[in-house]
Amino acid sequence: MNQPLRTTQDVVAAIGRPGKPSKAKGKGLKQIHPAKRVFQALRIAVNDELGVLERALPAAIRCLAPRGRLAVISFHSLEDRIVKQAFRLAAGTAREAENNQNPRSRSAKLRAIQKL
């Protein structure tokens, strides 16, 4: 194909047909068109979705009131990795007084989740 891609159908045609059905996690055979990931990648890039998430999470964490909670739902591994890293950076550590009284607390990190 030596012509420019002008429509989504042109992109789908250039990518080709789906291959063999694959087994999704915990599910039966499911046929996923290879164009699905291409369009997802284009959307993520055009909207700077990962960059927005990287900037929004630290801001949201800073805005939390004491004892505030932040819940994030991620839909794929790229988003999930960013959320995990942001939460790891915001993890609490023991204060100096606690470290003096309990030296093992130096390596402790508090992480919490609330089941709804």
PDB file of N, CA and C in Angstrom:
ATOM      1  N   MET A   1       0.861  -1.178   0.000  1.00  0.00           N
ATOM      2  CA  MET A   1       0.000   0.000   0.000  1.00  0.00           C
ATOM      3  C   MET A   1       0.901   1.233   0.000  1.00  0.00           C
ATOM      4  N   ASN A   2       0.901   1.955  -1.090  1.00  0.00           N
ATOM      5  CA  ASN A   2       1.753   3.134  -1.226  1.00  0.00           C
ATOM      6  C   ASN A   2       0.975   4.428  -1.194  1.00  0.00           C
ATOM      7  N   GLN A   3      -0.253   4.381  -0.781  1.00  0.00           N
ATOM      8  CA  GLN A   3      -1.051   5.597  -0.723  1.00  0.00           C
ATOM      9  C   GLN A   3      -1.251   6.023   0.729  1.00  0.00           C
ATOM     10  N   PRO A   4      -1.485   7.307   0.949  1.00  0.00           N
ATOM     11  CA  PRO A   4      -1.647   7.775   2.337  1.00  0.00           C
ATOM     12  C   PRO A   4      -2.920   7.207   2.975  1.00  0.00           C
ATOM     13  N   LEU A   5      -2.856   7.086   4.292  1.00  0.00           N
ATOM     14  CA  LEU A   5      -4.017   6.634   5.057  1.00  0.00           C
ATOM     15  C   LEU A   5      -4.863   7.863   5.384  1.00  0.00           C
ATOM     16  N   ARG A   6      -6.087   7.894   4.877  1.00  0.00           N
ATOM     17  CA  ARG A   6      -6.943   9.071   5.061  1.00  0.00           C
ATOM     18  C   ARG A   6      -8.126   8.807   5.997  1.00  0.00           C
ATOM     19  N   THR A   7      -8.552   7.589   6.095  1.00  0.00           N
ATOM     20  CA  THR A   7      -9.712   7.263   6.927  1.00  0.00           C
ATOM     21  C   THR A   7      -9.355   6.129   7.883  1.00  0.00           C
ATOM     22  N   THR A   8     -10.219   5.931   8.863  1.00  0.00           N
ATOM     23  CA  THR A   8      -9.991   4.814   9.783  1.00  0.00           C
ATOM     24  C   THR A   8     -10.075   3.485   9.045  1.00  0.00           C
ATOM     25  N   GLN A   9     -10.915   3.412   8.040  1.00  0.00           N
ATOM     26  CA  GLN A   9     -11.011   2.177   7.255  1.00  0.00           C
ATOM     27  C   GLN A   9      -9.710   1.903   6.505  1.00  0.00           C
ATOM     28  N   ASP A  10      -9.028   2.967   6.052  1.00  0.00           N
ATOM     29  CA  ASP A  10      -7.719   2.792   5.413  1.00  0.00           C
ATOM     30  C   ASP A  10      -6.720   2.190   6.398  1.00  0.00           C
ATOM     31  N   VAL A  11      -6.761   2.649   7.644  1.00  0.00           N
ATOM     32  CA  VAL A  11      -5.856   2.128   8.674  1.00  0.00           C
ATOM     33  C   VAL A  11      -6.172   0.661   8.940  1.00  0.00           C
ATOM     34  N   VAL A  12      -7.449   0.346   9.098  1.00  0.00           N
ATOM     35  CA  VAL A  12      -7.859  -1.038   9.351  1.00  0.00           C
ATOM     36  C   VAL A  12      -7.407  -1.939   8.203  1.00  0.00           C
ATOM     37  N   ALA A  13      -7.578  -1.479   6.974  1.00  0.00           N
ATOM     38  CA  ALA A  13      -7.171  -2.276   5.814  1.00  0.00           C
ATOM     39  C   ALA A  13      -5.655  -2.475   5.793  1.00  0.00           C
ATOM     40  N   ALA A  14      -4.904  -1.458   6.177  1.00  0.00           N
ATOM     41  CA  ALA A  14      -3.441  -1.559   6.181  1.00  0.00           C
ATOM     42  C   ALA A  14      -2.949  -2.529   7.255  1.00  0.00           C
ATOM     43  N   ILE A  15      -3.645  -2.583   8.373  1.00  0.00           N
ATOM     44  CA  ILE A  15      -3.239  -3.457   9.478  1.00  0.00           C
ATOM     45  C   ILE A  15      -3.542  -4.908   9.146  1.00  0.00           C
ATOM     46  N   GLY A  16      -4.648  -5.149   8.509  1.00  0.00           N
ATOM     47  CA  GLY A  16      -4.988  -6.516   8.124  1.00  0.00           C
ATOM     48  C   GLY A  16      -6.081  -7.112   8.971  1.00  0.00           C
ATOM     49  N   ARG A  17      -6.308  -8.383   8.728  1.00  0.00           N
ATOM     50  CA  ARG A  17      -7.376  -9.115   9.412  1.00  0.00           C
ATOM     51  C   ARG A  17      -6.894  -9.658  10.744  1.00  0.00           C
ATOM     52  N   PRO A  18      -7.851  -9.932  11.621  1.00  0.00           N
ATOM     53  CA  PRO A  18      -7.470 -10.552  12.895  1.00  0.00           C
ATOM     54  C   PRO A  18      -6.876 -11.936  12.663  1.00  0.00           C
ATOM     55  N   GLY A  19      -5.968 -12.311  13.545  1.00  0.00           N
ATOM     56  CA  GLY A  19      -5.378 -13.647  13.482  1.00  0.00           C
ATOM     57  C   GLY A  19      -6.274 -14.648  14.182  1.00  0.00           C
ATOM     58  N   LYS A  20      -5.656 -15.667  14.725  1.00  0.00           N
ATOM     59  CA  LYS A  20      -6.407 -16.684  15.461  1.00  0.00           C
ATOM     60  C   LYS A  20      -6.991 -16.077  16.726  1.00  0.00           C
ATOM     61  N   PRO A  21      -8.149 -16.577  17.144  1.00  0.00           N
ATOM     62  CA  PRO A  21      -8.683 -16.117  18.433  1.00  0.00           C
ATOM     63  C   PRO A  21      -7.706 -16.460  19.554  1.00  0.00           C
ATOM     64  N   SER A  22      -7.615 -15.579  20.528  1.00  0.00           N
ATOM     65  CA  SER A  22      -6.729 -15.831  21.665  1.00  0.00           C
ATOM     66  C   SER A  22      -7.567 -15.902  22.930  1.00  0.00           C
ATOM     67  N   LYS A  23      -7.019 -16.560  23.927  1.00  0.00           N
ATOM     68  CA  LYS A  23      -7.747 -16.719  25.178  1.00  0.00           C
ATOM     69  C   LYS A  23      -7.455 -15.518  26.067  1.00  0.00           C
ATOM     70  N   ALA A  24      -8.490 -14.792  26.427  1.00  0.00           N
ATOM     71  CA  ALA A  24      -8.343 -13.657  27.338  1.00  0.00           C
ATOM     72  C   ALA A  24      -8.239 -14.195  28.761  1.00  0.00           C
ATOM     73  N   LYS A  25      -7.709 -13.385  29.654  1.00  0.00           N
ATOM     74  CA  LYS A  25      -7.540 -13.796  31.051  1.00  0.00           C
ATOM     75  C   LYS A  25      -8.875 -14.248  31.640  1.00  0.00           C
ATOM     76  N   GLY A  26      -8.932 -15.505  32.031  1.00  0.00           N
ATOM     77  CA  GLY A  26     -10.120 -16.026  32.696  1.00  0.00           C
ATOM     78  C   GLY A  26     -11.352 -16.125  31.818  1.00  0.00           C
ATOM     79  N   LYS A  27     -11.198 -15.966  30.506  1.00  0.00           N
ATOM     80  CA  LYS A  27     -12.349 -15.983  29.614  1.00  0.00           C
ATOM     81  C   LYS A  27     -12.102 -16.991  28.507  1.00  0.00           C
ATOM     82  N   GLY A  28     -13.105 -17.222  27.722  1.00  0.00           N
ATOM     83  CA  GLY A  28     -12.974 -18.139  26.598  1.00  0.00           C
ATOM     84  C   GLY A  28     -12.242 -17.483  25.440  1.00  0.00           C
ATOM     85  N   LEU A  29     -12.275 -18.149  24.303  1.00  0.00           N
ATOM     86  CA  LEU A  29     -11.626 -17.607  23.116  1.00  0.00           C
ATOM     87  C   LEU A  29     -12.326 -16.336  22.673  1.00  0.00           C
ATOM     88  N   LYS A  30     -11.531 -15.349  22.343  1.00  0.00           N
ATOM     89  CA  LYS A  30     -12.082 -14.059  21.945  1.00  0.00           C
ATOM     90  C   LYS A  30     -11.219 -13.509  20.817  1.00  0.00           C
ATOM     91  N   GLN A  31     -11.860 -13.053  19.768  1.00  0.00           N
ATOM     92  CA  GLN A  31     -11.108 -12.511  18.648  1.00  0.00           C
ATOM     93  C   GLN A  31     -11.033 -10.996  18.785  1.00  0.00           C
ATOM     94  N   ILE A  32      -9.821 -10.493  18.891  1.00  0.00           N
ATOM     95  CA  ILE A  32      -9.601  -9.057  19.032  1.00  0.00           C
ATOM     96  C   ILE A  32      -8.907  -8.570  17.769  1.00  0.00           C
ATOM     97  N   HIS A  33      -9.494  -7.586  17.130  1.00  0.00           N
ATOM     98  CA  HIS A  33      -8.910  -7.061  15.899  1.00  0.00           C
ATOM     99  C   HIS A  33      -7.608  -6.340  16.223  1.00  0.00           C
ATOM    100  N   PRO A  34      -6.567  -6.560  15.423  1.00  0.00           N
ATOM    101  CA  PRO A  34      -5.282  -5.913  15.705  1.00  0.00           C
ATOM    102  C   PRO A  34      -5.345  -4.388  15.632  1.00  0.00           C
ATOM    103  N   ALA A  35      -6.324  -3.842  14.938  1.00  0.00           N
ATOM    104  CA  ALA A  35      -6.445  -2.384  14.849  1.00  0.00           C
ATOM    105  C   ALA A  35      -6.850  -1.771  16.181  1.00  0.00           C
ATOM    106  N   LYS A  36      -7.428  -2.567  17.071  1.00  0.00           N
ATOM    107  CA  LYS A  36      -7.882  -2.044  18.364  1.00  0.00           C
ATOM    108  C   LYS A  36      -6.734  -1.381  19.117  1.00  0.00           C
ATOM    109  N   ARG A  37      -5.605  -2.059  19.210  1.00  0.00           N
ATOM    110  CA  ARG A  37      -4.457  -1.496  19.934  1.00  0.00           C
ATOM    111  C   ARG A  37      -3.851  -0.307  19.201  1.00  0.00           C
ATOM    112  N   VAL A  38      -3.879  -0.344  17.880  1.00  0.00           N
ATOM    113  CA  VAL A  38      -3.346   0.782  17.103  1.00  0.00           C
ATOM    114  C   VAL A  38      -4.164   2.033  17.384  1.00  0.00           C
ATOM    115  N   PHE A  39      -5.490   1.915  17.339  1.00  0.00           N
ATOM    116  CA  PHE A  39      -6.340   3.074  17.609  1.00  0.00           C
ATOM    117  C   PHE A  39      -6.229   3.523  19.063  1.00  0.00           C
ATOM    118  N   GLN A  40      -6.061   2.576  19.977  1.00  0.00           N
ATOM    119  CA  GLN A  40      -5.862   2.929  21.384  1.00  0.00           C
ATOM    120  C   GLN A  40      -4.560   3.717  21.541  1.00  0.00           C
ATOM    121  N   ALA A  41      -3.496   3.256  20.898  1.00  0.00           N
ATOM    122  CA  ALA A  41      -2.203   3.949  20.983  1.00  0.00           C
ATOM    123  C   ALA A  41      -2.287   5.347  20.379  1.00  0.00           C
ATOM    124  N   LEU A  42      -2.987   5.479  19.265  1.00  0.00           N
ATOM    125  CA  LEU A  42      -3.155   6.800  18.646  1.00  0.00           C
ATOM    126  C   LEU A  42      -3.927   7.741  19.574  1.00  0.00           C
ATOM    127  N   ARG A  43      -5.008   7.240  20.169  1.00  0.00           N
ATOM    128  CA  ARG A  43      -5.804   8.062  21.087  1.00  0.00           C
ATOM    129  C   ARG A  43      -4.974   8.495  22.283  1.00  0.00           C
ATOM    130  N   ILE A  44      -4.223   7.577  22.863  1.00  0.00           N
ATOM    131  CA  ILE A  44      -3.387   7.894  24.025  1.00  0.00           C
ATOM    132  C   ILE A  44      -2.358   8.958  23.662  1.00  0.00           C
ATOM    133  N   ALA A  45      -1.735   8.821  22.489  1.00  0.00           N
ATOM    134  CA  ALA A  45      -0.713   9.786  22.067  1.00  0.00           C
ATOM    135  C   ALA A  45      -1.314  11.149  21.742  1.00  0.00           C
ATOM    136  N   VAL A  46      -2.381  11.164  20.961  1.00  0.00           N
ATOM    137  CA  VAL A  46      -2.991  12.435  20.544  1.00  0.00           C
ATOM    138  C   VAL A  46      -3.516  13.219  21.745  1.00  0.00           C
ATOM    139  N   ASN A  47      -4.125  12.537  22.693  1.00  0.00           N
ATOM    140  CA  ASN A  47      -4.695  13.202  23.871  1.00  0.00           C
ATOM    141  C   ASN A  47      -3.700  13.366  25.015  1.00  0.00           C
ATOM    142  N   ASP A  48      -2.471  12.885  24.835  1.00  0.00           N
ATOM    143  CA  ASP A  48      -1.440  12.925  25.884  1.00  0.00           C
ATOM    144  C   ASP A  48      -1.991  12.363  27.194  1.00  0.00           C
ATOM    145  N   GLU A  49      -2.721  11.260  27.091  1.00  0.00           N
ATOM    146  CA  GLU A  49      -3.404  10.703  28.259  1.00  0.00           C
ATOM    147  C   GLU A  49      -2.441  10.302  29.376  1.00  0.00           C
ATOM    148  N   LEU A  50      -1.306   9.727  29.032  1.00  0.00           N
ATOM    149  CA  LEU A  50      -0.358   9.311  30.069  1.00  0.00           C
ATOM    150  C   LEU A  50       0.306  10.526  30.712  1.00  0.00           C
ATOM    151  N   GLY A  51       0.617  11.538  29.916  1.00  0.00           N
ATOM    152  CA  GLY A  51       1.192  12.774  30.459  1.00  0.00           C
ATOM    153  C   GLY A  51       0.223  13.484  31.387  1.00  0.00           C
ATOM    154  N   VAL A  52      -1.042  13.523  30.990  1.00  0.00           N
ATOM    155  CA  VAL A  52      -2.068  14.143  31.833  1.00  0.00           C
ATOM    156  C   VAL A  52      -2.170  13.398  33.161  1.00  0.00           C
ATOM    157  N   LEU A  53      -2.159  12.076  33.102  1.00  0.00           N
ATOM    158  CA  LEU A  53      -2.236  11.273  34.319  1.00  0.00           C
ATOM    159  C   LEU A  53      -1.018  11.510  35.209  1.00  0.00           C
ATOM    160  N   GLU A  54       0.176  11.574  34.605  1.00  0.00           N
ATOM    161  CA  GLU A  54       1.405  11.815  35.376  1.00  0.00           C
ATOM    162  C   GLU A  54       1.375  13.167  36.078  1.00  0.00           C
ATOM    163  N   ARG A  55       0.742  14.156  35.473  1.00  0.00           N
ATOM    164  CA  ARG A  55       0.659  15.489  36.096  1.00  0.00           C
ATOM    165  C   ARG A  55      -0.502  15.585  37.084  1.00  0.00           C
ATOM    166  N   ALA A  56      -1.599  14.893  36.791  1.00  0.00           N
ATOM    167  CA  ALA A  56      -2.801  15.014  37.623  1.00  0.00           C
ATOM    168  C   ALA A  56      -2.680  14.280  38.955  1.00  0.00           C
ATOM    169  N   LEU A  57      -2.049  13.124  38.967  1.00  0.00           N
ATOM    170  CA  LEU A  57      -1.982  12.341  40.208  1.00  0.00           C
ATOM    171  C   LEU A  57      -1.249  13.066  41.331  1.00  0.00           C
ATOM    172  N   PRO A  58      -0.038  13.601  41.097  1.00  0.00           N
ATOM    173  CA  PRO A  58       0.615  14.330  42.192  1.00  0.00           C
ATOM    174  C   PRO A  58      -0.210  15.532  42.663  1.00  0.00           C
ATOM    175  N   ALA A  59      -0.867  16.212  41.726  1.00  0.00           N
ATOM    176  CA  ALA A  59      -1.707  17.349  42.106  1.00  0.00           C
ATOM    177  C   ALA A  59      -2.886  16.882  42.955  1.00  0.00           C
ATOM    178  N   ALA A  60      -3.493  15.775  42.578  1.00  0.00           N
ATOM    179  CA  ALA A  60      -4.620  15.245  43.350  1.00  0.00           C
ATOM    180  C   ALA A  60      -4.173  14.821  44.742  1.00  0.00           C
ATOM    181  N   ILE A  61      -3.009  14.200  44.835  1.00  0.00           N
ATOM    182  CA  ILE A  61      -2.489  13.769  46.138  1.00  0.00           C
ATOM    183  C   ILE A  61      -2.214  14.975  47.026  1.00  0.00           C
ATOM    184  N   ARG A  62      -1.653  16.043  46.443  1.00  0.00           N
ATOM    185  CA  ARG A  62      -1.387  17.269  47.224  1.00  0.00           C
ATOM    186  C   ARG A  62      -2.682  17.901  47.725  1.00  0.00           C
ATOM    187  N   CYS A  63      -3.758  17.774  46.969  1.00  0.00           N
ATOM    188  CA  CYS A  63      -5.039  18.392  47.337  1.00  0.00           C
ATOM    189  C   CYS A  63      -5.808  17.603  48.392  1.00  0.00           C
ATOM    190  N   LEU A  64      -5.394  16.376  48.658  1.00  0.00           N
ATOM    191  CA  LEU A  64      -6.121  15.565  49.635  1.00  0.00           C
ATOM    192  C   LEU A  64      -6.059  16.194  51.021  1.00  0.00           C
ATOM    193  N   ALA A  65      -7.183  16.214  51.675  1.00  0.00           N
ATOM    194  CA  ALA A  65      -7.237  16.647  53.072  1.00  0.00           C
ATOM    195  C   ALA A  65      -6.661  15.528  53.930  1.00  0.00           C
ATOM    196  N   PRO A  66      -6.243  15.852  55.149  1.00  0.00           N
ATOM    197  CA  PRO A  66      -5.814  14.776  56.043  1.00  0.00           C
ATOM    198  C   PRO A  66      -6.916  13.716  56.140  1.00  0.00           C
ATOM    199  N   ARG A  67      -6.529  12.467  56.068  1.00  0.00           N
ATOM    200  CA  ARG A  67      -7.432  11.313  56.069  1.00  0.00           C
ATOM    201  C   ARG A  67      -8.271  11.222  54.798  1.00  0.00           C
ATOM    202  N   GLY A  68      -7.929  12.026  53.794  1.00  0.00           N
ATOM    203  CA  GLY A  68      -8.638  11.959  52.521  1.00  0.00           C
ATOM    204  C   GLY A  68      -8.272  10.698  51.765  1.00  0.00           C
ATOM    205  N   ARG A  69      -9.098  10.331  50.830  1.00  0.00           N
ATOM    206  CA  ARG A  69      -8.877   9.118  50.047  1.00  0.00           C
ATOM    207  C   ARG A  69      -8.885   9.457  48.569  1.00  0.00           C
ATOM    208  N   LEU A  70      -8.096   8.726  47.841  1.00  0.00           N
ATOM    209  CA  LEU A  70      -8.048   8.880  46.390  1.00  0.00           C
ATOM    210  C   LEU A  70      -8.146   7.494  45.775  1.00  0.00           C
ATOM    211  N   ALA A  71      -9.108   7.309  44.905  1.00  0.00           N
ATOM    212  CA  ALA A  71      -9.266   6.034  44.201  1.00  0.00           C
ATOM    213  C   ALA A  71      -9.058   6.278  42.717  1.00  0.00           C
ATOM    214  N   VAL A  72      -8.325   5.394  42.083  1.00  0.00           N
ATOM    215  CA  VAL A  72      -8.040   5.519  40.659  1.00  0.00           C
ATOM    216  C   VAL A  72      -8.344   4.184  39.996  1.00  0.00           C
ATOM    217  N   ILE A  73      -9.108   4.232  38.932  1.00  0.00           N
ATOM    218  CA  ILE A  73      -9.372   3.037  38.136  1.00  0.00           C
ATOM    219  C   ILE A  73      -8.529   3.145  36.879  1.00  0.00           C
ATOM    220  N   SER A  74      -7.723   2.140  36.626  1.00  0.00           N
ATOM    221  CA  SER A  74      -6.917   2.127  35.405  1.00  0.00           C
ATOM    222  C   SER A  74      -7.460   1.049  34.474  1.00  0.00           C
ATOM    223  N   PHE A  75      -7.289   1.282  33.184  1.00  0.00           N
ATOM    224  CA  PHE A  75      -7.854   0.366  32.201  1.00  0.00           C
ATOM    225  C   PHE A  75      -6.808  -0.422  31.431  1.00  0.00           C
ATOM    226  N   HIS A  76      -5.544  -0.087  31.600  1.00  0.00           N
ATOM    227  CA  HIS A  76      -4.489  -0.885  30.978  1.00  0.00           C
ATOM    228  C   HIS A  76      -3.191  -0.681  31.738  1.00  0.00           C
ATOM    229  N   SER A  77      -2.207  -1.502  31.407  1.00  0.00           N
ATOM    230  CA  SER A  77      -0.985  -1.566  32.212  1.00  0.00           C
ATOM    231  C   SER A  77      -0.182  -0.269  32.209  1.00  0.00           C
ATOM    232  N   LEU A  78      -0.225   0.510  31.136  1.00  0.00           N
ATOM    233  CA  LEU A  78       0.524   1.772  31.114  1.00  0.00           C
ATOM    234  C   LEU A  78      -0.028   2.740  32.160  1.00  0.00           C
ATOM    235  N   GLU A  79      -1.351   2.848  32.210  1.00  0.00           N
ATOM    236  CA  GLU A  79      -1.971   3.696  33.230  1.00  0.00           C
ATOM    237  C   GLU A  79      -1.693   3.151  34.624  1.00  0.00           C
ATOM    238  N   ASP A  80      -1.823   1.848  34.775  1.00  0.00           N
ATOM    239  CA  ASP A  80      -1.651   1.243  36.091  1.00  0.00           C
ATOM    240  C   ASP A  80      -0.245   1.474  36.626  1.00  0.00           C
ATOM    241  N   ARG A  81       0.762   1.399  35.768  1.00  0.00           N
ATOM    242  CA  ARG A  81       2.144   1.627  36.198  1.00  0.00           C
ATOM    243  C   ARG A  81       2.322   3.057  36.713  1.00  0.00           C
ATOM    244  N   ILE A  82       1.732   4.030  36.033  1.00  0.00           N
ATOM    245  CA  ILE A  82       1.838   5.429  36.456  1.00  0.00           C
ATOM    246  C   ILE A  82       1.170   5.625  37.813  1.00  0.00           C
ATOM    247  N   VAL A  83      -0.009   5.034  37.998  1.00  0.00           N
ATOM    248  CA  VAL A  83      -0.722   5.150  39.278  1.00  0.00           C
ATOM    249  C   VAL A  83       0.101   4.509  40.393  1.00  0.00           C
ATOM    250  N   LYS A  84       0.624   3.327  40.134  1.00  0.00           N
ATOM    251  CA  LYS A  84       1.428   2.617  41.134  1.00  0.00           C
ATOM    252  C   LYS A  84       2.649   3.442  41.535  1.00  0.00           C
ATOM    253  N   GLN A  85       3.340   4.036  40.559  1.00  0.00           N
ATOM    254  CA  GLN A  85       4.519   4.851  40.862  1.00  0.00           C
ATOM    255  C   GLN A  85       4.146   6.099  41.652  1.00  0.00           C
ATOM    256  N   ALA A  86       3.052   6.745  41.285  1.00  0.00           N
ATOM    257  CA  ALA A  86       2.634   7.955  42.006  1.00  0.00           C
ATOM    258  C   ALA A  86       2.281   7.625  43.448  1.00  0.00           C
ATOM    259  N   PHE A  87       1.589   6.522  43.653  1.00  0.00           N
ATOM    260  CA  PHE A  87       1.236   6.126  45.015  1.00  0.00           C
ATOM    261  C   PHE A  87       2.477   5.721  45.801  1.00  0.00           C
ATOM    262  N   ARG A  88       3.435   5.103  45.135  1.00  0.00           N
ATOM    263  CA  ARG A  88       4.669   4.708  45.811  1.00  0.00           C
ATOM    264  C   ARG A  88       5.435   5.957  46.271  1.00  0.00           C
ATOM    265  N   LEU A  89       5.487   6.976  45.417  1.00  0.00           N
ATOM    266  CA  LEU A  89       6.186   8.213  45.779  1.00  0.00           C
ATOM    267  C   LEU A  89       5.503   8.927  46.934  1.00  0.00           C
ATOM    268  N   ALA A  90       4.190   8.759  47.041  1.00  0.00           N
ATOM    269  CA  ALA A  90       3.439   9.427  48.106  1.00  0.00           C
ATOM    270  C   ALA A  90       3.348   8.578  49.368  1.00  0.00           C
ATOM    271  N   ALA A  91       3.976   7.413  49.361  1.00  0.00           N
ATOM    272  CA  ALA A  91       3.891   6.516  50.521  1.00  0.00           C
ATOM    273  C   ALA A  91       4.515   7.178  51.741  1.00  0.00           C
ATOM    274  N   GLY A  92       3.884   6.979  52.869  1.00  0.00           N
ATOM    275  CA  GLY A  92       4.382   7.563  54.113  1.00  0.00           C
ATOM    276  C   GLY A  92       5.509   6.739  54.707  1.00  0.00           C
ATOM    277  N   THR A  93       6.407   7.404  55.394  1.00  0.00           N
ATOM    278  CA  THR A  93       7.474   6.720  56.121  1.00  0.00           C
ATOM    279  C   THR A  93       7.433   7.196  57.566  1.00  0.00           C
ATOM    280  N   ALA A  94       8.094   6.463  58.406  1.00  0.00           N
ATOM    281  CA  ALA A  94       8.101   6.802  59.832  1.00  0.00           C
ATOM    282  C   ALA A  94       8.858   8.108  60.072  1.00  0.00           C
ATOM    283  N   ARG A  95       8.410   8.846  61.072  1.00  0.00           N
ATOM    284  CA  ARG A  95       9.084  10.095  61.443  1.00  0.00           C
ATOM    285  C   ARG A  95      10.316   9.784  62.290  1.00  0.00           C
ATOM    286  N   GLU A  96      11.163  10.787  62.480  1.00  0.00           N
ATOM    287  CA  GLU A  96      12.422  10.602  63.200  1.00  0.00           C
ATOM    288  C   GLU A  96      12.207  10.066  64.614  1.00  0.00           C
ATOM    289  N   ALA A  97      11.211  10.582  65.314  1.00  0.00           N
ATOM    290  CA  ALA A  97      10.952  10.117  66.682  1.00  0.00           C
ATOM    291  C   ALA A  97      10.613   8.627  66.689  1.00  0.00           C
ATOM    292  N   GLU A  98       9.817   8.197  65.732  1.00  0.00           N
ATOM    293  CA  GLU A  98       9.474   6.774  65.627  1.00  0.00           C
ATOM    294  C   GLU A  98      10.715   5.947  65.306  1.00  0.00           C
ATOM    295  N   ASN A  99      11.564   6.457  64.405  1.00  0.00           N
ATOM    296  CA  ASN A  99      12.797   5.744  64.051  1.00  0.00           C
ATOM    297  C   ASN A  99      13.712   5.577  65.258  1.00  0.00           C
ATOM    298  N   ASN A 100      13.808   6.617  66.094  1.00  0.00           N
ATOM    299  CA  ASN A 100      14.660   6.538  67.286  1.00  0.00           C
ATOM    300  C   ASN A 100      14.121   5.507  68.275  1.00  0.00           C
ATOM    301  N   GLN A 101      12.811   5.479  68.413  1.00  0.00           N
ATOM    302  CA  GLN A 101      12.184   4.567  69.363  1.00  0.00           C
ATOM    303  C   GLN A 101      12.115   3.133  68.814  1.00  0.00           C
ATOM    304  N   ASN A 102      11.953   3.020  67.501  1.00  0.00           N
ATOM    305  CA  ASN A 102      11.789   1.711  66.858  1.00  0.00           C
ATOM    306  C   ASN A 102      12.609   1.705  65.562  1.00  0.00           C
ATOM    307  N   PRO A 103      13.888   1.335  65.605  1.00  0.00           N
ATOM    308  CA  PRO A 103      14.765   1.404  64.434  1.00  0.00           C
ATOM    309  C   PRO A 103      14.261   0.625  63.212  1.00  0.00           C
ATOM    310  N   ARG A 104      13.485  -0.421  63.426  1.00  0.00           N
ATOM    311  CA  ARG A 104      12.972  -1.188  62.279  1.00  0.00           C
ATOM    312  C   ARG A 104      11.980  -0.384  61.446  1.00  0.00           C
ATOM    313  N   SER A 105      11.438   0.676  62.001  1.00  0.00           N
ATOM    314  CA  SER A 105      10.444   1.465  61.273  1.00  0.00           C
ATOM    315  C   SER A 105      11.060   2.257  60.118  1.00  0.00           C
ATOM    316  N   ARG A 106      12.403   2.367  60.101  1.00  0.00           N
ATOM    317  CA  ARG A 106      13.053   3.122  59.018  1.00  0.00           C
ATOM    318  C   ARG A 106      12.687   2.563  57.646  1.00  0.00           C
ATOM    319  N   SER A 107      12.598   1.258  57.547  1.00  0.00           N
ATOM    320  CA  SER A 107      12.328   0.645  56.246  1.00  0.00           C
ATOM    321  C   SER A 107      10.838   0.397  56.004  1.00  0.00           C
ATOM    322  N   ALA A 108      10.002   0.767  56.938  1.00  0.00           N
ATOM    323  CA  ALA A 108       8.566   0.511  56.796  1.00  0.00           C
ATOM    324  C   ALA A 108       7.897   1.586  55.952  1.00  0.00           C
ATOM    325  N   LYS A 109       6.946   1.162  55.124  1.00  0.00           N
ATOM    326  CA  LYS A 109       6.136   2.092  54.339  1.00  0.00           C
ATOM    327  C   LYS A 109       4.676   1.725  54.568  1.00  0.00           C
ATOM    328  N   LEU A 110       3.887   2.720  54.816  1.00  0.00           N
ATOM    329  CA  LEU A 110       2.464   2.485  55.030  1.00  0.00           C
ATOM    330  C   LEU A 110       1.724   2.665  53.711  1.00  0.00           C
ATOM    331  N   ARG A 111       0.997   1.638  53.314  1.00  0.00           N
ATOM    332  CA  ARG A 111       0.122   1.718  52.149  1.00  0.00           C
ATOM    333  C   ARG A 111      -1.245   1.236  52.616  1.00  0.00           C
ATOM    334  N   ALA A 112      -2.268   1.859  52.122  1.00  0.00           N
ATOM    335  CA  ALA A 112      -3.605   1.480  52.576  1.00  0.00           C
ATOM    336  C   ALA A 112      -4.557   1.423  51.397  1.00  0.00           C
ATOM    337  N   ILE A 113      -5.555   0.583  51.545  1.00  0.00           N
ATOM    338  CA  ILE A 113      -6.628   0.508  50.566  1.00  0.00           C
ATOM    339  C   ILE A 113      -7.914   0.293  51.348  1.00  0.00           C
ATOM    340  N   GLN A 114      -8.978   0.836  50.862  1.00  0.00           N
ATOM    341  CA  GLN A 114     -10.256   0.649  51.532  1.00  0.00           C
ATOM    342  C   GLN A 114     -11.166  -0.108  50.588  1.00  0.00           C
ATOM    343  N   LYS A 115     -11.651  -1.233  51.045  1.00  0.00           N
ATOM    344  CA  LYS A 115     -12.569  -2.019  50.238  1.00  0.00           C
ATOM    345  C   LYS A 115     -13.955  -1.404  50.341  1.00  0.00           C
ATOM    346  N   LEU A 116     -14.566  -1.212  49.202  1.00  0.00           N
ATOM    347  CA  LEU A 116     -15.900  -0.609  49.188  1.00  0.00           C
ATOM    348  C   LEU A 116     -16.967  -1.655  49.320  1.00  0.00           C
TER     349      LEU A 116
END
